[in-house]
Amino acid sequence: MFSPSTITLVANPPRLSDYDIERKEYALKDKDHYHKKLKKAQDLMLQVQQAYYHQGKRAIIVFQGWDAAGKGGAIRRVTEKLDPRGYRVHPIASPTKDEQGRHYLYRFQTRLPKPGSIAIFDRSWYERVLVERIEAFASPNEWQRAYQEINEFERMLTDDGVRIIKIFMHISKGEQLKRFEERLNNPMKQWKLTEEDIRNRAKWDDYEGATDEMFQRTSTISAPWTIIPGNKKWFARIEVLNTVIEALSKEVDLSPPPVDPAVVKAARKQLGIEINEQ
């Protein structure tokens, strides 16, 4: 009898305190350097997306992180050069009234990627053990059992061939305050700052403890967590792209598929076009 794979936690899961996010290594030297790295990474990301499309592969990228940590900006850079038909971004807010009457994983199950596509979650099922835990939207029994439920959910997906990348955008409390102030004073960004963001900041230590426990209990061999130091936006965006590219490229042939012989024949006969031999 064939059984599901074993859920194995990583031996040394990450911790937020392991990262001195003010280190000089977490910054790029100038804007020109940033744009060169960005172009190279985005070109590779497009190559990865095309490989997943042609081979019918599926992937999920999960973004969690502090409020104002740069999740949206990182997602825009990941998707900027991609074919929009091959990915979907799912911004996750509070569940609707209809969703509240169902298992919390229901609304994520309906957003899983189809063959040849990538699903990107801007917040995810991990809100169960973060916001819902800290704000008491879920009872202790509900959020405590969620660790196993989430691991089993992700095992089901990875056993079915889905690649899962989990990223946590990490910034300092001081940097968050700067970004809150910037948002409040920028008419184009004011909508990003909410009363909930401000309330959550008062529980920073509680969220930090819940986040570390999330890493400890859900960083598995098949779907580990990666912390991205986010105080420097340019550095963080490049690190996100490189992390995603490396994870999605493992054991995947990224070379373009051969051209369809029928297309070559039709082009030669009807258009007089000869394909260049590689």
Protein backbone atom coordinates (compact mmCIF):
# COMPACT_ATOMS: atom_id res chain seq x y z
CA MET A 1 0.00 0.00 0.00
CA PHE A 2 1.46 3.33 -1.06
CA SER A 3 1.46 5.89 1.76
CA PRO A 4 1.95 9.67 1.92
CA SER A 5 5.49 10.88 2.43
CA THR A 6 6.85 11.40 5.92
CA ILE A 7 6.61 14.92 7.33
CA THR A 8 10.13 15.75 8.50
CA LEU A 9 10.92 19.03 10.22
CA VAL A 10 14.27 20.67 9.47
CA ALA A 11 16.86 20.15 12.19
CA ASN A 12 17.61 23.83 12.72
CA PRO A 13 14.65 26.02 11.78
CA PRO A 14 15.32 29.74 11.36
CA ARG A 15 14.69 32.27 14.13
CA LEU A 16 14.14 35.98 13.71
CA SER A 17 16.82 36.74 16.29
CA ASP A 18 19.39 34.95 14.13
CA TYR A 19 19.31 37.87 11.70
CA ASP A 20 21.12 41.13 12.35
CA ILE A 21 19.18 42.89 9.61
CA GLU A 22 21.27 46.06 9.86
CA ARG A 23 24.38 44.30 8.54
CA LYS A 24 26.16 46.02 5.66
CA GLU A 25 25.98 42.83 3.60
CA TYR A 26 22.21 43.33 3.41
CA ALA A 27 22.53 46.39 1.18
CA LEU A 28 23.46 46.97 -2.48
CA LYS A 29 26.02 49.62 -3.33
CA ASP A 30 23.93 51.76 -5.71
CA LYS A 31 20.85 51.92 -7.91
CA ASP A 32 22.71 50.90 -11.07
CA HIS A 33 23.99 47.76 -9.35
CA TYR A 34 20.45 46.99 -8.20
CA HIS A 35 18.96 47.34 -11.68
CA LYS A 36 21.60 45.07 -13.22
CA LYS A 37 20.93 42.37 -10.65
CA LEU A 38 17.19 42.85 -11.01
CA LYS A 39 17.25 42.44 -14.80
CA LYS A 40 19.35 39.28 -14.59
CA ALA A 41 17.11 37.74 -11.93
CA GLN A 42 13.87 38.67 -13.71
CA ASP A 43 15.12 37.17 -16.98
CA LEU A 44 15.88 33.93 -15.12
CA MET A 45 12.48 34.03 -13.44
CA LEU A 46 10.79 34.24 -16.86
CA GLN A 47 12.83 31.25 -18.00
CA VAL A 48 11.66 29.31 -14.94
CA GLN A 49 8.04 30.26 -15.55
CA GLN A 50 8.24 29.11 -19.17
CA ALA A 51 9.71 25.77 -18.10
CA TYR A 52 6.87 25.26 -15.61
CA TYR A 53 4.31 26.16 -18.28
CA HIS A 54 5.69 23.82 -20.94
CA GLN A 55 6.18 20.95 -18.50
CA GLY A 56 2.81 21.38 -16.76
CA LYS A 57 4.43 21.93 -13.37
CA ARG A 58 2.80 23.75 -10.46
CA ALA A 59 4.26 25.99 -7.78
CA ILE A 60 3.11 27.98 -4.77
CA ILE A 61 4.99 30.95 -3.33
CA VAL A 62 3.90 32.00 0.16
CA PHE A 63 4.72 35.48 1.47
CA GLN A 64 4.43 36.29 5.15
CA GLY A 65 6.08 39.09 7.10
CA TRP A 66 5.71 42.16 9.22
CA ASP A 67 3.33 44.91 8.15
CA ALA A 68 5.18 47.22 5.70
CA ALA A 69 7.98 44.66 5.29
CA GLY A 70 7.89 44.88 1.49
CA LYS A 71 5.85 41.85 0.49
CA GLY A 72 3.96 43.74 -2.21
CA GLY A 73 7.09 45.29 -3.67
CA ALA A 74 8.86 41.92 -3.77
CA ILE A 75 5.88 40.27 -5.46
CA ARG A 76 5.79 43.00 -8.12
CA ARG A 77 9.46 42.39 -8.93
CA VAL A 78 8.97 38.63 -9.07
CA THR A 79 6.07 38.95 -11.52
CA GLU A 80 7.08 42.06 -13.48
CA LYS A 81 8.39 40.22 -16.55
CA LEU A 82 6.25 37.10 -16.33
CA ASP A 83 3.49 36.13 -18.73
CA PRO A 84 0.34 37.12 -16.80
CA ARG A 85 -1.43 34.00 -18.02
CA GLY A 86 0.98 31.82 -16.05
CA TYR A 87 0.57 33.13 -12.52
CA ARG A 88 -2.02 34.41 -10.06
CA VAL A 89 -1.45 36.64 -7.05
CA HIS A 90 -3.87 36.04 -4.18
CA PRO A 91 -3.95 38.90 -1.63
CA ILE A 92 -5.41 37.35 1.52
CA ALA A 93 -7.58 39.49 3.78
CA SER A 94 -10.11 38.55 6.45
CA PRO A 95 -12.34 35.62 5.44
CA THR A 96 -15.73 36.48 4.00
CA LYS A 97 -18.90 35.60 5.87
CA ASP A 98 -19.33 32.52 3.66
CA GLU A 99 -15.73 31.44 4.24
CA GLN A 100 -16.04 31.84 8.00
CA GLY A 101 -18.51 28.98 8.05
CA ARG A 102 -16.04 26.56 6.45
CA HIS A 103 -12.71 25.01 7.39
CA TYR A 104 -10.06 27.75 7.27
CA LEU A 105 -8.11 25.94 4.55
CA TYR A 106 -11.12 25.94 2.21
CA ARG A 107 -10.47 29.37 0.72
CA PHE A 108 -6.89 28.37 -0.08
CA GLN A 109 -7.84 25.05 -1.62
CA THR A 110 -9.96 26.94 -4.14
CA ARG A 111 -6.92 29.02 -5.17
CA LEU A 112 -4.43 26.23 -5.84
CA PRO A 113 -2.47 26.52 -9.11
CA LYS A 114 -3.50 24.68 -12.25
CA PRO A 115 -0.89 22.75 -14.30
CA GLY A 116 1.73 25.04 -15.80
CA SER A 117 1.10 27.91 -13.40
CA ILE A 118 2.33 29.58 -10.22
CA ALA A 119 0.12 30.73 -7.35
CA ILE A 120 1.48 33.55 -5.17
CA PHE A 121 -0.10 34.14 -1.78
CA ASP A 122 0.31 37.57 -0.19
CA ARG A 123 -0.34 36.18 3.31
CA SER A 124 -1.72 32.69 3.56
CA TRP A 125 -2.99 29.83 5.71
CA TYR A 126 -0.27 30.78 8.19
CA GLU A 127 -2.45 33.63 9.41
CA ARG A 128 -4.12 30.90 11.50
CA VAL A 129 -1.06 30.66 13.75
CA LEU A 130 -0.18 34.35 13.60
CA VAL A 131 -2.97 36.97 13.48
CA GLU A 132 -5.76 34.56 14.37
CA ARG A 133 -3.72 33.26 17.29
CA ILE A 134 -2.57 36.61 18.68
CA GLU A 135 -5.88 38.40 18.16
CA ALA A 136 -7.87 35.43 19.54
CA PHE A 137 -9.85 34.96 16.32
CA ALA A 138 -9.06 31.26 16.71
CA SER A 139 -9.32 29.33 19.96
CA PRO A 140 -6.17 27.73 21.47
CA ASN A 141 -7.38 24.30 20.29
CA GLU A 142 -7.89 25.63 16.75
CA TRP A 143 -4.54 27.33 16.26
CA GLN A 144 -2.56 24.66 18.11
CA ARG A 145 -3.84 21.85 15.91
CA ALA A 146 -3.28 24.03 12.83
CA TYR A 147 0.45 23.29 12.75
CA GLN A 148 -0.21 19.64 11.97
CA GLU A 149 -3.09 20.49 9.65
CA ILE A 150 -0.88 22.86 7.66
CA ASN A 151 1.97 20.35 7.45
CA GLU A 152 -0.44 17.71 6.19
CA PHE A 153 -1.96 20.18 3.71
CA GLU A 154 1.46 21.02 2.31
CA ARG A 155 2.48 17.36 2.27
CA MET A 156 -0.60 16.59 0.19
CA LEU A 157 0.47 19.25 -2.29
CA THR A 158 4.16 18.32 -2.47
CA ASP A 159 3.28 14.62 -2.82
CA ASP A 160 1.15 15.68 -5.80
CA GLY A 161 4.13 17.42 -7.38
CA VAL A 162 3.58 21.02 -6.27
CA ARG A 163 6.71 22.98 -5.37
CA ILE A 164 6.18 25.21 -2.30
CA ILE A 165 8.39 28.19 -1.40
CA LYS A 166 7.75 29.96 1.91
CA ILE A 167 9.24 33.42 2.48
CA PHE A 168 9.10 35.63 5.56
CA MET A 169 9.96 39.31 5.03
CA HIS A 170 11.75 40.53 8.16
CA ILE A 171 12.30 44.18 9.13
CA SER A 172 13.21 45.88 12.39
CA LYS A 173 10.67 47.63 14.57
CA GLY A 174 12.41 50.94 13.88
CA GLU A 175 12.27 50.43 10.12
CA GLN A 176 8.59 49.60 10.32
CA LEU A 177 7.94 52.90 12.12
CA LYS A 178 9.76 54.80 9.34
CA ARG A 179 7.64 53.09 6.69
CA PHE A 180 4.43 53.76 8.59
CA GLU A 181 5.35 57.46 8.72
CA GLU A 182 6.17 57.47 5.00
CA ARG A 183 2.84 55.87 4.16
CA LEU A 184 0.88 58.27 6.32
CA ASN A 185 2.52 61.28 4.63
CA ASN A 186 2.30 59.99 1.05
CA PRO A 187 -1.18 60.37 -0.52
CA MET A 188 -0.42 57.50 -2.91
CA LYS A 189 0.40 55.14 -0.03
CA GLN A 190 -1.96 56.23 2.73
CA TRP A 191 -4.40 53.45 1.88
CA LYS A 192 -1.75 50.89 2.83
CA LEU A 193 -1.72 51.90 6.50
CA THR A 194 -4.62 50.65 8.61
CA GLU A 195 -5.67 50.86 12.23
CA GLU A 196 -5.01 47.13 12.44
CA ASP A 197 -1.39 47.69 11.38
CA ILE A 198 -0.94 50.18 14.21
CA ARG A 199 -2.61 47.91 16.78
CA ASN A 200 -0.52 44.93 15.70
CA ARG A 201 2.68 46.91 16.29
CA ALA A 202 1.85 47.11 20.00
CA LYS A 203 2.03 43.29 20.09
CA TRP A 204 5.38 43.02 18.31
CA ASP A 205 6.89 40.65 20.90
CA ASP A 206 3.84 38.38 20.80
CA TYR A 207 4.03 38.19 17.00
CA GLU A 208 7.76 37.53 17.12
CA GLY A 209 7.23 34.58 19.46
CA ALA A 210 4.40 33.21 17.31
CA THR A 211 6.51 33.58 14.17
CA ASP A 212 9.44 31.68 15.66
CA GLU A 213 7.10 28.91 16.76
CA MET A 214 5.65 28.82 13.25
CA PHE A 215 9.15 28.31 11.84
CA GLN A 216 9.87 25.60 14.41
CA ARG A 217 6.71 23.62 13.77
CA THR A 218 6.20 24.07 10.01
CA SER A 219 9.66 24.36 8.44
CA THR A 220 9.79 20.95 6.78
CA ILE A 221 12.36 19.33 4.53
CA SER A 222 9.99 19.56 1.56
CA ALA A 223 8.74 23.09 2.33
CA PRO A 224 11.24 25.02 4.50
CA TRP A 225 10.97 28.65 5.55
CA THR A 226 13.37 31.33 4.27
CA ILE A 227 13.80 34.62 6.14
CA ILE A 228 14.58 37.62 3.93
CA PRO A 229 16.23 40.60 5.69
CA GLY A 230 14.05 43.47 4.44
CA ASN A 231 15.36 46.72 5.92
CA LYS A 232 17.03 47.49 2.57
CA LYS A 233 14.36 47.14 -0.12
CA TRP A 234 16.71 46.67 -3.08
CA PHE A 235 18.61 43.87 -1.36
CA ALA A 236 15.39 42.19 -0.21
CA ARG A 237 13.84 42.16 -3.68
CA ILE A 238 16.91 40.55 -5.23
CA GLU A 239 17.11 37.99 -2.42
CA VAL A 240 13.46 37.07 -2.89
CA LEU A 241 13.96 36.56 -6.62
CA ASN A 242 17.11 34.48 -6.11
CA THR A 243 15.42 32.37 -3.43
CA VAL A 244 12.42 31.67 -5.66
CA ILE A 245 14.54 30.92 -8.73
CA GLU A 246 16.82 28.53 -6.83
CA ALA A 247 13.93 26.65 -5.26
CA LEU A 248 11.87 26.37 -8.45
CA SER A 249 14.89 25.34 -10.55
CA LYS A 250 15.84 22.27 -8.53
CA GLU A 251 15.62 19.14 -10.68
CA VAL A 252 13.82 21.09 -13.42
CA ASP A 253 15.02 21.28 -17.03
CA LEU A 254 15.01 25.00 -17.86
CA SER A 255 15.98 24.62 -21.51
CA PRO A 256 13.31 25.71 -24.03
CA PRO A 257 11.29 22.87 -25.56
CA PRO A 258 12.01 21.94 -29.20
CA VAL A 259 9.86 23.63 -31.81
CA ASP A 260 6.84 21.67 -33.02
CA PRO A 261 7.80 19.95 -36.33
CA ALA A 262 4.31 20.69 -37.65
CA VAL A 263 4.91 24.42 -37.09
CA VAL A 264 8.27 24.20 -38.90
CA LYS A 265 6.64 22.44 -41.83
CA ALA A 266 3.77 24.93 -42.04
CA ALA A 267 6.14 27.91 -41.81
CA ARG A 268 8.30 26.53 -44.61
CA LYS A 269 5.39 25.64 -46.89
CA GLN A 270 3.06 28.59 -46.33
CA LEU A 271 5.41 31.41 -45.31
CA GLY A 272 8.71 30.43 -46.90
CA ILE A 273 10.45 30.66 -43.52
CA GLU A 274 13.32 28.33 -42.64
CA ILE A 275 14.18 27.74 -38.98
CA ASN A 276 17.77 28.49 -38.00
CA GLU A 277 19.62 25.38 -36.92
CA GLN A 278 20.91 25.64 -33.35
